[in-house]
N, C-alpha and C. Protein backbone atom coordinates (compact mmCIF):
# COMPACT_ATOMS: atom_id res chain seq x y z
N MET A 1 1.31 14.77 13.97
CA MET A 1 0.87 14.18 15.20
C MET A 1 0.96 12.67 15.06
N ARG A 2 1.41 11.97 16.08
CA ARG A 2 1.48 10.52 16.09
C ARG A 2 0.52 9.97 17.14
N LEU A 3 -0.13 8.92 16.82
CA LEU A 3 -1.00 8.24 17.76
C LEU A 3 -0.51 6.81 17.85
N VAL A 4 -0.11 6.39 19.00
CA VAL A 4 0.33 5.02 19.19
C VAL A 4 -0.72 4.33 20.03
N SER A 5 -1.31 3.32 19.49
CA SER A 5 -2.37 2.60 20.16
C SER A 5 -1.82 1.64 21.19
N GLY A 6 -2.62 1.29 22.17
CA GLY A 6 -2.23 0.31 23.17
C GLY A 6 -2.36 -1.11 22.67
N MET A 7 -2.95 -1.31 21.51
CA MET A 7 -3.10 -2.66 20.98
C MET A 7 -1.76 -3.17 20.49
N PRO A 8 -1.38 -4.39 20.81
CA PRO A 8 -0.09 -4.91 20.37
C PRO A 8 0.00 -4.95 18.86
N GLY A 9 1.13 -4.53 18.36
CA GLY A 9 1.39 -4.64 16.93
C GLY A 9 0.70 -3.61 16.08
N LEU A 10 0.01 -2.65 16.70
CA LEU A 10 -0.72 -1.67 15.90
C LEU A 10 -0.09 -0.30 16.10
N LEU A 11 0.29 0.28 15.00
CA LEU A 11 0.83 1.63 15.05
C LEU A 11 0.12 2.43 13.98
N LEU A 12 -0.56 3.46 14.41
CA LEU A 12 -1.21 4.34 13.45
C LEU A 12 -0.47 5.66 13.47
N VAL A 13 -0.11 6.12 12.33
CA VAL A 13 0.58 7.38 12.24
C VAL A 13 -0.33 8.36 11.51
N LEU A 14 -0.71 9.41 12.19
CA LEU A 14 -1.55 10.43 11.56
C LEU A 14 -0.67 11.61 11.21
N LEU A 15 -0.66 11.97 9.96
CA LEU A 15 0.19 13.05 9.50
C LEU A 15 -0.64 14.08 8.76
N GLY A 16 -0.32 15.33 8.99
CA GLY A 16 -1.00 16.40 8.28
C GLY A 16 -0.58 16.48 6.83
N VAL A 17 0.69 16.24 6.57
CA VAL A 17 1.22 16.29 5.20
C VAL A 17 2.26 15.21 5.05
N CYS A 18 2.48 14.82 3.83
CA CYS A 18 3.52 13.84 3.57
C CYS A 18 4.88 14.44 3.91
N GLY A 19 5.12 15.67 3.52
CA GLY A 19 6.25 16.43 3.99
C GLY A 19 7.63 16.05 3.46
N THR A 20 7.73 15.09 2.57
CA THR A 20 9.06 14.75 2.08
C THR A 20 9.07 14.81 0.56
N ALA A 21 10.23 15.12 0.04
CA ALA A 21 10.39 15.10 -1.42
C ALA A 21 10.21 13.69 -1.92
N ALA A 22 10.64 12.70 -1.13
CA ALA A 22 10.48 11.30 -1.53
C ALA A 22 9.02 10.95 -1.72
N GLY A 23 8.14 11.45 -0.84
CA GLY A 23 6.71 11.18 -0.97
C GLY A 23 6.14 11.74 -2.27
N ALA A 24 6.56 12.93 -2.64
CA ALA A 24 6.10 13.53 -3.89
C ALA A 24 6.61 12.73 -5.09
N ASP A 25 7.85 12.29 -5.01
CA ASP A 25 8.42 11.48 -6.09
C ASP A 25 7.68 10.16 -6.25
N ILE A 26 7.36 9.54 -5.13
CA ILE A 26 6.65 8.26 -5.15
C ILE A 26 5.27 8.44 -5.76
N ALA A 27 4.57 9.50 -5.36
CA ALA A 27 3.22 9.74 -5.87
C ALA A 27 3.21 9.92 -7.38
N ALA A 28 4.21 10.58 -7.90
CA ALA A 28 4.25 10.87 -9.33
C ALA A 28 4.79 9.72 -10.17
N ALA A 29 5.57 8.85 -9.57
CA ALA A 29 6.26 7.81 -10.34
C ALA A 29 5.32 6.66 -10.70
N PRO A 30 5.08 6.47 -11.99
CA PRO A 30 4.25 5.33 -12.39
C PRO A 30 5.04 4.02 -12.30
N LEU A 31 4.35 2.97 -11.93
CA LEU A 31 4.92 1.62 -11.90
C LEU A 31 4.09 0.73 -12.80
N ARG A 32 4.69 -0.34 -13.29
CA ARG A 32 3.97 -1.32 -14.11
C ARG A 32 3.51 -2.47 -13.23
N ASP A 33 2.32 -2.99 -13.58
CA ASP A 33 1.83 -4.16 -12.86
C ASP A 33 2.21 -5.44 -13.63
N GLN A 34 1.75 -6.58 -13.13
CA GLN A 34 2.12 -7.87 -13.72
C GLN A 34 1.55 -8.06 -15.13
N PHE A 35 0.63 -7.19 -15.53
CA PHE A 35 0.04 -7.28 -16.87
C PHE A 35 0.62 -6.24 -17.83
N GLY A 36 1.54 -5.40 -17.32
CA GLY A 36 2.16 -4.37 -18.15
C GLY A 36 1.47 -3.03 -18.11
N ASN A 37 0.39 -2.90 -17.33
CA ASN A 37 -0.31 -1.62 -17.19
C ASN A 37 0.40 -0.73 -16.18
N THR A 38 0.31 0.58 -16.36
CA THR A 38 0.93 1.49 -15.42
C THR A 38 -0.11 2.15 -14.52
N ASP A 39 0.32 2.50 -13.32
CA ASP A 39 -0.53 3.20 -12.36
C ASP A 39 0.39 3.94 -11.40
N SER A 40 -0.18 4.91 -10.70
CA SER A 40 0.59 5.67 -9.71
C SER A 40 -0.39 6.26 -8.71
N LEU A 41 0.14 6.69 -7.59
CA LEU A 41 -0.69 7.37 -6.59
C LEU A 41 -1.28 8.64 -7.18
N ALA A 42 -0.49 9.37 -7.95
CA ALA A 42 -0.95 10.64 -8.53
C ALA A 42 -2.16 10.45 -9.45
N SER A 43 -2.28 9.29 -10.07
CA SER A 43 -3.42 9.07 -10.98
C SER A 43 -4.73 8.88 -10.22
N HIS A 44 -4.67 8.80 -8.91
CA HIS A 44 -5.88 8.64 -8.08
C HIS A 44 -6.20 9.93 -7.32
N GLN A 45 -5.67 11.05 -7.79
CA GLN A 45 -5.92 12.34 -7.15
C GLN A 45 -7.42 12.55 -6.98
N GLY A 46 -7.84 13.02 -5.82
CA GLY A 46 -9.25 13.24 -5.55
C GLY A 46 -9.94 12.03 -4.95
N LYS A 47 -9.22 10.93 -4.78
CA LYS A 47 -9.76 9.70 -4.21
C LYS A 47 -9.00 9.34 -2.94
N VAL A 48 -9.66 8.63 -2.04
CA VAL A 48 -8.98 8.07 -0.88
C VAL A 48 -8.35 6.76 -1.33
N VAL A 49 -7.06 6.61 -1.05
CA VAL A 49 -6.30 5.46 -1.56
C VAL A 49 -5.63 4.72 -0.41
N VAL A 50 -5.69 3.40 -0.49
CA VAL A 50 -4.90 2.55 0.40
C VAL A 50 -3.85 1.88 -0.46
N ALA A 51 -2.59 2.13 -0.14
CA ALA A 51 -1.49 1.43 -0.79
C ALA A 51 -1.06 0.30 0.14
N ILE A 52 -1.05 -0.91 -0.38
CA ILE A 52 -0.58 -2.06 0.39
C ILE A 52 0.78 -2.42 -0.18
N VAL A 53 1.81 -2.24 0.63
CA VAL A 53 3.19 -2.43 0.19
C VAL A 53 3.78 -3.62 0.93
N VAL A 54 4.29 -4.59 0.16
CA VAL A 54 4.85 -5.80 0.77
C VAL A 54 5.93 -6.37 -0.14
N ASP A 55 6.81 -7.15 0.44
CA ASP A 55 7.84 -7.84 -0.33
C ASP A 55 7.16 -8.79 -1.31
N VAL A 56 7.70 -8.91 -2.51
CA VAL A 56 7.10 -9.75 -3.55
C VAL A 56 6.96 -11.21 -3.09
N ARG A 57 7.82 -11.65 -2.19
CA ARG A 57 7.77 -13.03 -1.71
C ARG A 57 6.65 -13.25 -0.69
N ARG A 58 5.97 -12.18 -0.29
CA ARG A 58 4.91 -12.29 0.71
C ARG A 58 3.57 -11.76 0.19
N LEU A 59 3.39 -11.87 -1.11
CA LEU A 59 2.18 -11.32 -1.74
C LEU A 59 0.88 -11.92 -1.22
N SER A 60 0.91 -13.15 -0.80
CA SER A 60 -0.33 -13.79 -0.34
C SER A 60 -0.93 -13.06 0.86
N THR A 61 -0.14 -12.25 1.56
CA THR A 61 -0.63 -11.55 2.75
C THR A 61 -1.49 -10.33 2.44
N ILE A 62 -1.56 -9.90 1.19
CA ILE A 62 -2.32 -8.68 0.86
C ILE A 62 -3.79 -8.96 0.57
N GLN A 63 -4.10 -10.15 0.15
CA GLN A 63 -5.45 -10.42 -0.35
C GLN A 63 -6.53 -10.16 0.69
N ARG A 64 -6.34 -10.61 1.91
CA ARG A 64 -7.37 -10.44 2.93
C ARG A 64 -7.62 -8.96 3.22
N TRP A 65 -6.55 -8.16 3.29
CA TRP A 65 -6.72 -6.72 3.51
C TRP A 65 -7.60 -6.12 2.41
N GLY A 66 -7.27 -6.40 1.17
CA GLY A 66 -8.03 -5.85 0.05
C GLY A 66 -9.49 -6.27 0.06
N GLU A 67 -9.72 -7.55 0.33
CA GLU A 67 -11.10 -8.06 0.36
C GLU A 67 -11.91 -7.39 1.46
N GLU A 68 -11.38 -7.37 2.66
CA GLU A 68 -12.12 -6.84 3.81
C GLU A 68 -12.37 -5.34 3.68
N LEU A 69 -11.34 -4.58 3.37
CA LEU A 69 -11.52 -3.13 3.25
C LEU A 69 -12.36 -2.77 2.04
N GLY A 70 -12.21 -3.51 0.94
CA GLY A 70 -13.00 -3.26 -0.25
C GLY A 70 -14.49 -3.51 -0.03
N LYS A 71 -14.81 -4.55 0.74
CA LYS A 71 -16.22 -4.84 1.06
C LYS A 71 -16.83 -3.72 1.90
N ARG A 72 -16.08 -3.25 2.87
CA ARG A 72 -16.58 -2.22 3.78
C ARG A 72 -16.66 -0.84 3.13
N HIS A 73 -15.77 -0.59 2.19
CA HIS A 73 -15.64 0.75 1.60
C HIS A 73 -15.50 0.65 0.08
N PRO A 74 -16.61 0.49 -0.64
CA PRO A 74 -16.53 0.31 -2.09
C PRO A 74 -15.94 1.51 -2.84
N ASP A 75 -15.94 2.70 -2.23
CA ASP A 75 -15.38 3.89 -2.89
C ASP A 75 -13.87 4.01 -2.70
N LEU A 76 -13.29 3.09 -1.97
CA LEU A 76 -11.86 3.12 -1.69
C LEU A 76 -11.07 2.63 -2.90
N HIS A 77 -9.95 3.27 -3.17
CA HIS A 77 -9.07 2.86 -4.26
C HIS A 77 -7.84 2.18 -3.67
N PHE A 78 -7.34 1.16 -4.35
CA PHE A 78 -6.21 0.39 -3.86
C PHE A 78 -5.04 0.45 -4.83
N LEU A 79 -3.85 0.53 -4.27
CA LEU A 79 -2.61 0.32 -5.01
C LEU A 79 -1.89 -0.80 -4.28
N ASN A 80 -1.72 -1.93 -4.91
CA ASN A 80 -0.95 -3.03 -4.34
C ASN A 80 0.45 -2.92 -4.92
N VAL A 81 1.44 -2.83 -4.05
CA VAL A 81 2.82 -2.62 -4.49
C VAL A 81 3.69 -3.75 -3.97
N ALA A 82 4.34 -4.45 -4.88
CA ALA A 82 5.28 -5.51 -4.51
C ALA A 82 6.69 -4.97 -4.60
N GLU A 83 7.36 -4.97 -3.47
CA GLU A 83 8.76 -4.52 -3.42
C GLU A 83 9.66 -5.68 -3.79
N MET A 84 10.70 -5.38 -4.54
CA MET A 84 11.67 -6.40 -4.92
C MET A 84 12.74 -6.50 -3.84
N PRO A 85 13.30 -7.70 -3.65
CA PRO A 85 14.40 -7.82 -2.69
C PRO A 85 15.54 -6.89 -3.07
N ALA A 86 16.20 -6.35 -2.06
CA ALA A 86 17.29 -5.39 -2.30
C ALA A 86 18.49 -6.05 -2.97
N GLU A 87 18.67 -7.32 -2.74
CA GLU A 87 19.83 -8.02 -3.29
C GLU A 87 19.47 -8.73 -4.60
N GLY A 88 20.44 -8.88 -5.46
CA GLY A 88 20.24 -9.68 -6.67
C GLY A 88 19.70 -8.90 -7.84
N ARG A 89 19.78 -9.55 -8.99
CA ARG A 89 19.29 -9.00 -10.25
C ARG A 89 17.84 -9.41 -10.44
N VAL A 90 17.06 -8.56 -11.03
CA VAL A 90 15.62 -8.80 -11.20
C VAL A 90 15.32 -9.22 -12.64
N ASP A 91 14.66 -10.36 -12.77
CA ASP A 91 14.15 -10.81 -14.07
C ASP A 91 12.65 -10.49 -14.07
N ILE A 92 12.28 -9.38 -14.69
CA ILE A 92 10.91 -8.88 -14.61
C ILE A 92 9.89 -9.87 -15.18
N ALA A 93 10.24 -10.61 -16.22
CA ALA A 93 9.31 -11.60 -16.77
C ALA A 93 9.02 -12.68 -15.74
N ARG A 94 10.04 -13.11 -15.02
CA ARG A 94 9.87 -14.13 -13.98
C ARG A 94 9.04 -13.57 -12.80
N VAL A 95 9.31 -12.33 -12.45
CA VAL A 95 8.54 -11.69 -11.37
C VAL A 95 7.07 -11.59 -11.76
N ASN A 96 6.78 -11.15 -12.98
CA ASN A 96 5.39 -11.04 -13.43
C ASN A 96 4.69 -12.39 -13.40
N ALA A 97 5.37 -13.44 -13.82
CA ALA A 97 4.79 -14.78 -13.80
C ALA A 97 4.51 -15.22 -12.37
N THR A 98 5.42 -14.94 -11.46
CA THR A 98 5.23 -15.30 -10.05
C THR A 98 4.04 -14.56 -9.46
N VAL A 99 3.94 -13.27 -9.74
CA VAL A 99 2.83 -12.46 -9.22
C VAL A 99 1.51 -13.01 -9.76
N GLN A 100 1.47 -13.37 -11.03
CA GLN A 100 0.24 -13.89 -11.61
C GLN A 100 -0.19 -15.21 -10.97
N LYS A 101 0.77 -15.97 -10.47
CA LYS A 101 0.44 -17.23 -9.78
C LYS A 101 -0.05 -16.99 -8.36
N ARG A 102 0.44 -15.96 -7.70
CA ARG A 102 0.19 -15.76 -6.27
C ARG A 102 -1.02 -14.91 -5.94
N VAL A 103 -1.50 -14.13 -6.89
CA VAL A 103 -2.67 -13.30 -6.61
C VAL A 103 -3.72 -13.51 -7.70
N PRO A 104 -4.99 -13.30 -7.39
CA PRO A 104 -6.03 -13.47 -8.40
C PRO A 104 -5.81 -12.54 -9.59
N ALA A 105 -6.28 -12.96 -10.74
CA ALA A 105 -6.09 -12.19 -11.98
C ALA A 105 -6.77 -10.82 -11.92
N THR A 106 -7.73 -10.65 -11.01
CA THR A 106 -8.44 -9.37 -10.89
C THR A 106 -7.70 -8.38 -10.00
N VAL A 107 -6.56 -8.78 -9.43
CA VAL A 107 -5.81 -7.92 -8.51
C VAL A 107 -4.51 -7.45 -9.15
N PRO A 108 -4.47 -6.21 -9.63
CA PRO A 108 -3.21 -5.71 -10.18
C PRO A 108 -2.21 -5.43 -9.06
N VAL A 109 -0.97 -5.79 -9.30
CA VAL A 109 0.11 -5.56 -8.33
C VAL A 109 1.22 -4.81 -9.04
N LEU A 110 1.50 -3.61 -8.56
CA LEU A 110 2.56 -2.81 -9.13
C LEU A 110 3.91 -3.35 -8.66
N ILE A 111 4.84 -3.49 -9.57
CA ILE A 111 6.16 -4.05 -9.26
C ILE A 111 7.14 -2.89 -9.08
N ASP A 112 7.66 -2.75 -7.87
CA ASP A 112 8.58 -1.66 -7.55
C ASP A 112 10.01 -2.20 -7.51
N ILE A 113 10.62 -2.23 -8.66
CA ILE A 113 11.97 -2.78 -8.80
C ILE A 113 12.99 -1.94 -8.03
N GLU A 114 12.79 -0.64 -8.00
CA GLU A 114 13.75 0.26 -7.35
C GLU A 114 13.49 0.46 -5.86
N ARG A 115 12.48 -0.19 -5.32
CA ARG A 115 12.13 -0.11 -3.89
C ARG A 115 11.86 1.33 -3.45
N ARG A 116 11.23 2.12 -4.31
CA ARG A 116 10.93 3.52 -3.98
C ARG A 116 10.01 3.64 -2.78
N TRP A 117 8.96 2.81 -2.75
CA TRP A 117 7.99 2.90 -1.67
C TRP A 117 8.62 2.54 -0.33
N ALA A 118 9.33 1.42 -0.29
CA ALA A 118 9.95 0.99 0.97
C ALA A 118 10.97 2.01 1.46
N THR A 119 11.79 2.48 0.55
CA THR A 119 12.83 3.44 0.92
C THR A 119 12.22 4.80 1.29
N GLY A 120 11.33 5.29 0.47
CA GLY A 120 10.74 6.61 0.67
C GLY A 120 9.92 6.74 1.94
N TYR A 121 9.25 5.66 2.33
CA TYR A 121 8.42 5.70 3.52
C TYR A 121 9.03 4.91 4.69
N GLY A 122 10.25 4.43 4.52
CA GLY A 122 10.93 3.72 5.60
C GLY A 122 10.21 2.46 6.03
N LEU A 123 9.79 1.64 5.08
CA LEU A 123 8.98 0.46 5.37
C LEU A 123 9.81 -0.81 5.44
N ASP A 124 9.45 -1.67 6.38
CA ASP A 124 9.96 -3.03 6.43
C ASP A 124 8.89 -3.87 5.75
N THR A 125 9.17 -4.38 4.57
CA THR A 125 8.14 -5.05 3.77
C THR A 125 8.05 -6.55 4.02
N ALA A 126 8.63 -7.03 5.12
CA ALA A 126 8.49 -8.44 5.48
C ALA A 126 7.03 -8.75 5.83
N ALA A 127 6.29 -7.74 6.24
CA ALA A 127 4.84 -7.85 6.49
C ALA A 127 4.17 -6.73 5.71
N PRO A 128 2.88 -6.86 5.40
CA PRO A 128 2.20 -5.81 4.64
C PRO A 128 2.19 -4.48 5.39
N ASN A 129 2.33 -3.42 4.65
CA ASN A 129 2.22 -2.05 5.17
C ASN A 129 1.04 -1.41 4.45
N LEU A 130 0.06 -0.94 5.19
CA LEU A 130 -1.06 -0.22 4.60
C LEU A 130 -0.84 1.26 4.83
N LEU A 131 -0.76 1.99 3.75
CA LEU A 131 -0.59 3.44 3.80
C LEU A 131 -1.89 4.05 3.27
N VAL A 132 -2.53 4.89 4.06
CA VAL A 132 -3.78 5.51 3.66
C VAL A 132 -3.49 6.95 3.26
N PHE A 133 -3.92 7.31 2.06
CA PHE A 133 -3.69 8.65 1.53
C PHE A 133 -5.02 9.37 1.36
N ASP A 134 -5.04 10.64 1.73
CA ASP A 134 -6.26 11.43 1.58
C ASP A 134 -6.47 11.81 0.11
N ARG A 135 -7.50 12.57 -0.14
CA ARG A 135 -7.86 12.93 -1.52
C ARG A 135 -6.82 13.81 -2.21
N GLU A 136 -5.92 14.41 -1.44
CA GLU A 136 -4.85 15.23 -2.01
C GLU A 136 -3.55 14.44 -2.17
N GLY A 137 -3.58 13.17 -1.83
CA GLY A 137 -2.39 12.33 -1.95
C GLY A 137 -1.44 12.42 -0.77
N LYS A 138 -1.91 12.97 0.34
CA LYS A 138 -1.08 13.10 1.54
C LYS A 138 -1.29 11.88 2.44
N LEU A 139 -0.20 11.39 3.00
CA LEU A 139 -0.27 10.25 3.90
C LEU A 139 -1.07 10.62 5.14
N ALA A 140 -2.13 9.87 5.42
CA ALA A 140 -3.01 10.17 6.55
C ALA A 140 -2.95 9.10 7.64
N GLY A 141 -2.51 7.89 7.31
CA GLY A 141 -2.45 6.83 8.30
C GLY A 141 -1.67 5.65 7.79
N GLN A 142 -1.20 4.86 8.73
CA GLN A 142 -0.35 3.72 8.37
C GLN A 142 -0.50 2.62 9.41
N VAL A 143 -0.53 1.38 8.95
CA VAL A 143 -0.53 0.23 9.83
C VAL A 143 0.30 -0.86 9.17
N ARG A 144 0.99 -1.65 9.98
CA ARG A 144 1.84 -2.72 9.45
C ARG A 144 1.43 -4.04 10.08
N GLY A 145 1.33 -5.08 9.25
CA GLY A 145 1.04 -6.41 9.74
C GLY A 145 -0.01 -7.12 8.93
N ARG A 146 -0.12 -8.42 9.20
CA ARG A 146 -1.17 -9.21 8.57
C ARG A 146 -2.53 -8.75 9.05
N PHE A 147 -3.56 -9.11 8.31
CA PHE A 147 -4.91 -8.71 8.67
C PHE A 147 -5.27 -9.24 10.05
N SER A 148 -5.86 -8.39 10.87
CA SER A 148 -6.47 -8.79 12.15
C SER A 148 -7.61 -7.82 12.40
N ALA A 149 -8.55 -8.22 13.23
CA ALA A 149 -9.69 -7.36 13.54
C ALA A 149 -9.21 -6.07 14.21
N GLU A 150 -8.22 -6.15 15.08
CA GLU A 150 -7.70 -4.97 15.77
C GLU A 150 -7.08 -3.97 14.79
N ARG A 151 -6.24 -4.48 13.90
CA ARG A 151 -5.60 -3.60 12.92
C ARG A 151 -6.64 -3.00 11.98
N ALA A 152 -7.59 -3.83 11.57
CA ALA A 152 -8.63 -3.35 10.65
C ALA A 152 -9.48 -2.25 11.30
N ALA A 153 -9.80 -2.40 12.57
CA ALA A 153 -10.60 -1.38 13.27
C ALA A 153 -9.87 -0.04 13.30
N GLY A 154 -8.59 -0.08 13.58
CA GLY A 154 -7.82 1.16 13.65
C GLY A 154 -7.73 1.87 12.31
N ILE A 155 -7.43 1.13 11.27
CA ILE A 155 -7.25 1.75 9.95
C ILE A 155 -8.61 2.14 9.35
N THR A 156 -9.66 1.39 9.69
CA THR A 156 -11.01 1.70 9.20
C THR A 156 -11.48 3.04 9.70
N ALA A 157 -11.15 3.38 10.95
CA ALA A 157 -11.56 4.68 11.49
C ALA A 157 -10.96 5.82 10.67
N ILE A 158 -9.73 5.68 10.27
CA ILE A 158 -9.08 6.71 9.45
C ILE A 158 -9.73 6.77 8.08
N ILE A 159 -9.95 5.61 7.47
CA ILE A 159 -10.55 5.56 6.14
C ILE A 159 -11.94 6.19 6.15
N GLU A 160 -12.75 5.85 7.14
CA GLU A 160 -14.11 6.39 7.21
C GLU A 160 -14.10 7.91 7.37
N ALA A 161 -13.18 8.42 8.19
CA ALA A 161 -13.09 9.87 8.35
C ALA A 161 -12.71 10.55 7.03
N LEU A 162 -11.79 9.96 6.29
CA LEU A 162 -11.38 10.54 5.01
C LEU A 162 -12.49 10.46 3.97
N LEU A 163 -13.19 9.34 3.92
CA LEU A 163 -14.28 9.19 2.94
C LEU A 163 -15.44 10.13 3.24
N ALA A 164 -15.62 10.49 4.51
CA ALA A 164 -16.72 11.38 4.90
C ALA A 164 -16.44 12.84 4.54
N GLN A 165 -15.20 13.17 4.26
CA GLN A 165 -14.83 14.57 3.93
C GLN A 165 -15.26 14.94 2.54
């Protein structure tokens, strides 16, 4: 089922199941963060998870989402995913250094060199994409864009419903 809100720039997609092989692959695939630690959606099984997926060059746009949603919902788990540009060769050491400069040291950011998240979920990562996953790892909601009260209200309703289950 899809729900398209009348608010400009807000699109919430409610899905019963992820339904794609790509989604299962993404959930299982571990990624490394800027500190060399690995994490994956599958490692958060049984938890409500918000994955914030954005181009590595736009990392500064994720912080407000994480702060606001984290304050409202302390039981929420986050995966911050930085997508690499599709063109060019990737120097992972340089990427890690850049990420460490752009986000606080307390915020791990998974580096997706192969663009699995963007490709698998059909995301345009020029702006942040928030993907909300239920406790079984199924995509339950999605919103794209910088933080705004309107976008936050829409995605918060989905998060609260999932946390209440």
